[in-house]
């Protein structure tokens, strides 16, 4: 597998879809979760995205040994 970024996008898509399912299922009365737990899920997902956005450029910055000429 050459492009590792596809794995990250697919993982995020699954987590995002799970969040929407929890939200819609709670509105429909299928689940008995509190809104605080669903909000916490979305907040944690946002924090993971922010951490990835901050750490990713730092890791890629040090990984290029050839450099541009």
C-alpha atoms as a PDB file:
ATOM      1  CA  UNK A   1       0.000   0.000   0.000  1.00  0.00           C
ATOM      2  CA  UNK A   2       1.738   3.140  -1.193  1.00  0.00           C
ATOM      3  CA  UNK A   3      -0.530   5.902   0.092  1.00  0.00           C
ATOM      4  CA  UNK A   4      -0.888   5.717   3.882  1.00  0.00           C
ATOM      5  CA  UNK A   5      -3.159   8.804   3.949  1.00  0.00           C
ATOM      6  CA  UNK A   6      -6.076   6.754   2.568  1.00  0.00           C
ATOM      7  CA  UNK A   7      -6.055   4.652   5.729  1.00  0.00           C
ATOM      8  CA  UNK A   8      -6.398   7.797   7.861  1.00  0.00           C
ATOM      9  CA  UNK A   9      -9.252   9.130   5.758  1.00  0.00           C
ATOM     10  CA  UNK A  10     -11.073   5.802   5.854  1.00  0.00           C
ATOM     11  CA  UNK A  11     -10.697   5.568   9.628  1.00  0.00           C
ATOM     12  CA  UNK A  12     -12.039   9.090  10.039  1.00  0.00           C
ATOM     13  CA  UNK A  13     -14.977   8.297   7.762  1.00  0.00           C
ATOM     14  CA  UNK A  14     -15.929   5.283   9.873  1.00  0.00           C
ATOM     15  CA  UNK A  15     -15.685   7.267  13.118  1.00  0.00           C
ATOM     16  CA  UNK A  16     -17.674  10.128  11.586  1.00  0.00           C
ATOM     17  CA  UNK A  17     -20.382   7.750  10.347  1.00  0.00           C
ATOM     18  CA  UNK A  18     -20.597   6.156  13.793  1.00  0.00           C
ATOM     19  CA  UNK A  19     -21.090   9.596  15.321  1.00  0.00           C
ATOM     20  CA  UNK A  20     -23.895  10.441  12.928  1.00  0.00           C
ATOM     21  CA  UNK A  21     -25.522   7.063  13.602  1.00  0.00           C
ATOM     22  CA  UNK A  22     -25.408   7.724  17.354  1.00  0.00           C
ATOM     23  CA  UNK A  23     -26.906  11.182  16.878  1.00  0.00           C
ATOM     24  CA  UNK A  24     -29.716  10.086  14.557  1.00  0.00           C
ATOM     25  CA  UNK A  25     -30.459   6.945  16.583  1.00  0.00           C
ATOM     26  CA  UNK A  26     -30.766   9.049  19.731  1.00  0.00           C
ATOM     27  CA  UNK A  27     -33.144  11.474  18.009  1.00  0.00           C
ATOM     28  CA  UNK A  28     -35.260   8.537  16.786  1.00  0.00           C
ATOM     29  CA  UNK A  29     -35.321   7.020  20.270  1.00  0.00           C
ATOM     30  CA  UNK A  30     -33.442   3.859  19.265  1.00  0.00           C
ATOM     31  CA  UNK A  31     -30.674   4.406  21.816  1.00  0.00           C
ATOM     32  CA  UNK A  32     -30.906   5.610  25.395  1.00  0.00           C
ATOM     33  CA  UNK A  33     -27.615   7.500  25.455  1.00  0.00           C
ATOM     34  CA  UNK A  34     -27.423  10.875  27.104  1.00  0.00           C
ATOM     35  CA  UNK A  35     -26.682  13.856  24.900  1.00  0.00           C
ATOM     36  CA  UNK A  36     -23.602  14.542  27.011  1.00  0.00           C
ATOM     37  CA  UNK A  37     -22.070  11.228  25.942  1.00  0.00           C
ATOM     38  CA  UNK A  38     -22.792  11.889  22.277  1.00  0.00           C
ATOM     39  CA  UNK A  39     -21.380  15.401  22.579  1.00  0.00           C
ATOM     40  CA  UNK A  40     -18.290  13.985  24.264  1.00  0.00           C
ATOM     41  CA  UNK A  41     -17.847  11.548  21.367  1.00  0.00           C
ATOM     42  CA  UNK A  42     -17.908  14.435  18.883  1.00  0.00           C
ATOM     43  CA  UNK A  43     -15.528  16.478  21.031  1.00  0.00           C
ATOM     44  CA  UNK A  44     -13.034  13.616  21.263  1.00  0.00           C
ATOM     45  CA  UNK A  45     -13.262  13.109  17.490  1.00  0.00           C
ATOM     46  CA  UNK A  46     -12.559  16.814  16.982  1.00  0.00           C
ATOM     47  CA  UNK A  47      -9.567  16.655  19.336  1.00  0.00           C
ATOM     48  CA  UNK A  48      -8.173  13.648  17.467  1.00  0.00           C
ATOM     49  CA  UNK A  49      -8.486  15.569  14.189  1.00  0.00           C
ATOM     50  CA  UNK A  50      -6.767  18.615  15.643  1.00  0.00           C
ATOM     51  CA  UNK A  51      -3.957  16.526  17.117  1.00  0.00           C
ATOM     52  CA  UNK A  52      -3.473  14.796  13.771  1.00  0.00           C
ATOM     53  CA  UNK A  53      -3.423  18.137  11.959  1.00  0.00           C
ATOM     54  CA  UNK A  54      -0.768  19.477  14.339  1.00  0.00           C
ATOM     55  CA  UNK A  55       1.443  16.381  14.528  1.00  0.00           C
ATOM     56  CA  UNK A  56       1.302  15.366  10.843  1.00  0.00           C
ATOM     57  CA  UNK A  57       3.311  18.326   9.436  1.00  0.00           C
ATOM     58  CA  UNK A  58       5.909  17.911  12.175  1.00  0.00           C
ATOM     59  CA  UNK A  59       6.444  14.265  11.295  1.00  0.00           C
ATOM     60  CA  UNK A  60       6.548  14.903   7.555  1.00  0.00           C
ATOM     61  CA  UNK A  61       8.983  17.800   7.996  1.00  0.00           C
ATOM     62  CA  UNK A  62      11.727  15.591   9.408  1.00  0.00           C
ATOM     63  CA  UNK A  63      11.106  12.649   7.108  1.00  0.00           C
ATOM     64  CA  UNK A  64      12.495  14.086   3.845  1.00  0.00           C
ATOM     65  CA  UNK A  65      16.226  13.357   3.750  1.00  0.00           C
ATOM     66  CA  UNK A  66      16.793  14.126   0.057  1.00  0.00           C
ATOM     67  CA  UNK A  67      15.425  17.664   0.153  1.00  0.00           C
ATOM     68  CA  UNK A  68      14.841  19.948  -2.778  1.00  0.00           C
ATOM     69  CA  UNK A  69      17.787  21.090  -4.849  1.00  0.00           C
END
